[in-house]
Protein backbone atom coordinates (compact mmCIF):
# COMPACT_ATOMS: atom_id res chain seq x y z
CA MET A 1 121.73 41.11 129.23
CA THR A 2 124.77 41.72 126.60
CA PRO A 3 122.82 41.86 123.47
CA ALA A 4 120.17 44.88 125.02
CA ARG A 5 122.85 47.05 125.71
CA PRO A 6 123.32 48.74 122.61
CA SER A 7 119.51 49.59 122.24
CA LEU A 8 119.38 51.31 125.58
CA LEU A 9 122.40 53.35 124.90
CA ARG A 10 120.89 54.20 121.61
CA LEU A 11 117.32 55.01 123.63
CA GLY A 12 119.61 57.16 126.14
CA LEU A 13 121.74 59.20 123.59
CA ALA A 14 118.20 59.96 121.87
CA LEU A 15 116.51 61.08 125.16
CA PHE A 16 119.62 63.14 126.15
CA ALA A 17 119.24 64.86 122.10
CA THR A 18 115.68 65.74 122.88
CA VAL A 19 116.53 67.01 126.31
CA LEU A 20 119.47 69.03 125.11
CA ALA A 21 117.44 70.35 121.97
CA SER A 22 114.02 71.40 124.66
CA ALA A 23 116.68 73.57 126.46
CA ALA A 24 118.04 75.25 123.68
CA PRO A 25 116.33 79.04 123.68
CA ALA A 26 114.16 79.58 120.52
CA VAL A 27 116.13 81.64 118.53
CA GLU A 28 114.12 85.00 117.75
CA PRO A 29 113.55 86.13 114.20
CA VAL A 30 115.71 89.04 112.94
CA THR A 31 113.45 91.98 111.62
CA LYS A 32 114.62 94.40 109.03
CA THR A 33 112.74 97.53 107.51
CA LEU A 34 111.82 98.61 104.30
CA VAL A 35 110.64 101.98 104.09
CA CYS A 36 108.99 103.45 101.25
CA PHE A 37 109.52 106.87 100.97
CA GLY A 38 107.26 108.83 98.60
CA ASP A 39 104.35 111.09 97.98
CA SER A 40 100.68 110.14 97.44
CA LEU A 41 101.35 107.63 94.61
CA THR A 42 103.06 105.70 97.82
CA ALA A 43 100.81 107.02 100.41
CA GLY A 44 97.87 105.41 98.77
CA TYR A 45 95.63 108.44 98.12
CA GLY A 46 92.17 108.38 97.37
CA LEU A 47 91.77 104.21 98.03
CA ASP A 48 89.45 103.46 100.75
CA ASP A 49 91.77 101.57 102.64
CA PRO A 50 95.83 102.37 101.73
CA ALA A 51 96.60 99.74 104.44
CA LEU A 52 95.29 97.00 102.67
CA ASP A 53 95.63 97.87 98.75
CA ALA A 54 98.30 100.53 98.46
CA TYR A 55 101.22 99.01 97.06
CA PRO A 56 103.52 99.28 99.99
CA ALA A 57 101.14 96.93 101.64
CA LEU A 58 101.13 94.79 99.04
CA LEU A 59 105.11 94.79 99.17
CA GLN A 60 104.46 93.65 102.67
CA ARG A 61 102.60 90.65 101.73
CA LYS A 62 104.89 89.33 99.41
CA LEU A 63 107.40 89.52 102.04
CA ASP A 64 105.67 87.81 104.54
CA ALA A 65 105.35 85.01 101.88
CA LEU A 66 108.87 84.05 101.38
CA PRO A 67 110.17 81.12 102.26
CA PRO A 68 111.84 80.99 105.84
CA ALA A 69 115.40 82.44 105.38
CA VAL A 70 118.29 81.25 107.53
CA PRO A 71 118.72 82.67 109.69
CA ALA A 72 114.97 83.78 110.63
CA VAL A 73 114.33 87.14 109.25
CA ARG A 74 110.98 89.25 109.70
CA TRP A 75 110.60 92.13 106.87
CA ARG A 76 108.30 95.28 108.19
CA VAL A 77 107.47 97.60 105.17
CA ILE A 78 107.10 101.49 106.39
CA ASN A 79 104.84 103.34 104.28
CA ALA A 80 106.10 106.66 104.33
CA GLY A 81 104.25 108.44 101.61
CA LEU A 82 102.76 112.13 102.36
CA SER A 83 100.02 113.33 99.82
CA GLY A 84 101.30 116.44 98.12
CA GLU A 85 105.23 116.17 99.02
CA THR A 86 108.01 117.22 96.85
CA THR A 87 111.57 116.28 96.76
CA SER A 88 112.46 119.49 98.68
CA GLY A 89 109.91 118.23 101.14
CA GLY A 90 110.86 115.18 101.29
CA ALA A 91 114.61 116.56 102.00
CA ARG A 92 113.63 118.47 104.93
CA ARG A 93 111.42 115.41 106.17
CA VAL A 94 113.70 112.28 106.03
CA ASP A 95 115.59 112.99 108.81
CA TRP A 96 112.59 112.21 110.82
CA ILE A 97 112.28 108.56 109.34
CA LEU A 98 115.67 107.92 109.80
CA ARG A 99 114.88 107.61 113.75
CA GLN A 100 114.01 104.17 113.12
CA PRO A 101 116.57 101.57 111.88
CA VAL A 102 116.55 101.31 107.80
CA ASP A 103 117.75 98.24 105.75
CA VAL A 104 116.32 99.10 102.11
CA PHE A 105 114.87 102.28 101.09
CA LEU A 106 112.68 103.30 98.29
CA LEU A 107 112.73 106.61 97.19
CA ALA A 108 110.00 107.64 94.66
CA LEU A 109 109.57 111.19 95.02
CA GLY A 110 109.52 113.85 92.15
CA ALA A 111 105.85 113.55 90.92
CA ASN A 112 104.83 116.93 92.33
CA ASP A 113 108.12 118.88 90.99
CA GLY A 114 107.35 118.17 87.46
CA LEU A 115 103.83 118.95 87.62
CA ARG A 116 104.76 122.07 89.58
CA GLY A 117 107.23 122.70 86.41
CA ILE A 118 110.28 122.73 89.47
CA ASP A 119 113.91 122.90 88.08
CA PRO A 120 114.86 119.56 87.34
CA ALA A 121 118.65 120.21 88.32
CA VAL A 122 116.22 121.64 92.00
CA SER A 123 114.54 118.37 92.05
CA LYS A 124 117.32 116.10 91.41
CA LYS A 125 119.83 118.42 94.17
CA SER A 126 117.14 117.60 96.81
CA LEU A 127 116.64 113.67 95.63
CA GLN A 128 120.64 113.57 96.07
CA THR A 129 120.25 115.24 99.38
CA ILE A 130 118.18 112.53 100.77
CA VAL A 131 120.25 109.99 99.80
CA ASP A 132 123.53 111.34 101.18
CA ARG A 133 121.40 111.27 104.32
CA VAL A 134 120.43 108.13 104.15
CA ARG A 135 123.87 106.56 103.50
CA ALA A 136 125.14 109.15 106.33
CA ARG A 137 123.03 107.52 108.85
CA TYR A 138 123.05 103.71 107.43
CA PRO A 139 125.94 103.18 105.04
CA ASP A 140 124.95 99.27 104.31
CA ALA A 141 120.77 100.26 103.22
CA LYS A 142 120.23 99.53 99.60
CA ILE A 143 118.54 102.25 98.06
CA VAL A 144 116.51 102.17 95.43
CA ILE A 145 115.43 105.30 93.21
CA ALA A 146 111.78 104.83 91.50
CA GLY A 147 111.68 107.27 88.50
CA MET A 148 108.90 109.19 87.25
CA MET A 149 108.06 110.84 83.99
CA MET A 150 106.04 113.80 82.77
CA PRO A 151 103.34 114.58 80.15
CA PRO A 152 104.62 115.86 76.60
CA SER A 153 102.36 118.69 77.72
CA MET A 154 105.18 119.93 79.75
CA GLY A 155 107.39 120.49 77.16
CA GLU A 156 109.68 118.15 75.20
CA ASP A 157 113.02 119.59 76.91
CA TYR A 158 111.64 119.56 80.37
CA THR A 159 110.16 115.91 80.23
CA ARG A 160 113.66 114.98 78.74
CA GLU A 161 115.55 116.72 81.75
CA PHE A 162 113.22 116.16 83.63
CA ALA A 163 113.39 111.98 83.16
CA ALA A 164 116.90 111.76 83.08
CA MET A 165 117.87 113.00 86.33
CA TYR A 166 116.54 109.40 88.02
CA PRO A 167 119.11 107.23 86.26
CA ALA A 168 121.99 109.70 86.02
CA LEU A 169 121.95 109.60 90.27
CA ALA A 170 121.59 105.78 89.75
CA GLU A 171 124.64 105.49 87.93
CA LYS A 172 126.58 108.20 90.57
CA ASP A 173 125.27 106.54 93.58
CA ARG A 174 125.35 103.03 92.95
CA LEU A 175 121.32 102.88 93.38
CA THR A 176 118.90 100.23 91.99
CA LEU A 177 116.81 101.64 89.60
CA VAL A 178 113.18 101.34 88.87
CA PRO A 179 112.63 103.60 85.58
CA PHE A 180 109.09 104.26 86.26
CA LEU A 181 107.35 104.28 89.22
CA LEU A 182 104.00 104.03 86.96
CA ASP A 183 105.21 101.34 84.27
CA GLY A 184 102.19 100.41 82.67
CA VAL A 185 99.76 102.19 85.03
CA GLY A 186 100.09 105.47 83.86
CA GLY A 187 97.65 106.62 81.26
CA ARG A 188 95.25 103.56 81.56
CA SER A 189 91.70 104.27 82.52
CA ALA A 190 91.27 100.91 83.96
CA LEU A 191 93.67 100.77 86.69
CA ASN A 192 93.29 104.82 87.67
CA GLN A 193 90.92 106.49 89.78
CA ALA A 194 88.77 109.25 88.57
CA ASP A 195 91.34 111.88 88.50
CA ALA A 196 93.90 109.85 86.25
CA ILE A 197 96.43 110.42 87.94
CA HIS A 198 96.16 108.37 91.19
CA PRO A 199 96.37 104.31 90.79
CA ASN A 200 93.05 102.25 91.94
CA PRO A 201 93.65 99.23 94.24
CA ALA A 202 94.48 97.63 90.50
CA GLY A 203 96.73 99.95 89.45
CA HIS A 204 98.66 99.61 93.71
CA ALA A 205 98.88 95.53 92.44
CA LEU A 206 100.58 96.49 89.62
CA ILE A 207 103.08 98.58 90.59
CA ALA A 208 103.69 96.01 93.59
CA GLU A 209 104.54 93.47 90.49
CA ASN A 210 106.80 95.52 89.09
CA LEU A 211 108.44 96.87 92.41
CA TRP A 212 108.90 93.57 93.55
CA ALA A 213 110.72 92.00 90.23
CA ARG A 214 113.54 95.26 91.25
CA LEU A 215 113.63 94.92 95.30
CA GLN A 216 113.24 90.54 95.24
CA PRO A 217 117.09 89.90 95.41
CA LEU A 218 117.77 93.20 98.15
CA PHE A 219 115.49 90.63 100.34
CA ARG A 220 118.08 87.35 100.03
């Protein structure tokens, strides 16, 4: 009987460990939120199904495909795009968006300001207001600002001053900068709808790829 005792002991320890493991409560994943705060380019204007084809939805798919993290994290992407939105409109609306938790905030506004010829100094002030309100409510949130560029028809001085406000804000407030939201998409008919302004599904796919290159390190 003596030789069998080590085997019995190992069996007992294995059963005890199994019981402990089954009794341990399951660990619920932590939910974190990425807010995409923008205009029609973010909302997916003109797409048949923005919930599937707009770039925020494509970012959600990329996040869902990430390998499991320890501790477990589940990312939720909020499409807070509003067609026709200006930076001043965004400054008025942002408090409503901030009622939900925010871990990463993508700020993609300004296109409508530029097309309306709004003074870049006014737009920059509104963008700063949005950044300040996000920081005041969620000090640990990571903020990404996506730049826009205006066509030459707006005038050389205007287009230069408009484009410069995004890197200036990024440097001042230590934001992650995406230099141009429509990089590789703007001006390419194959990637835009008939209005030559709003991206089609292929255009949104390229926007998502470009954003992912900048955003992915923030999710680690």
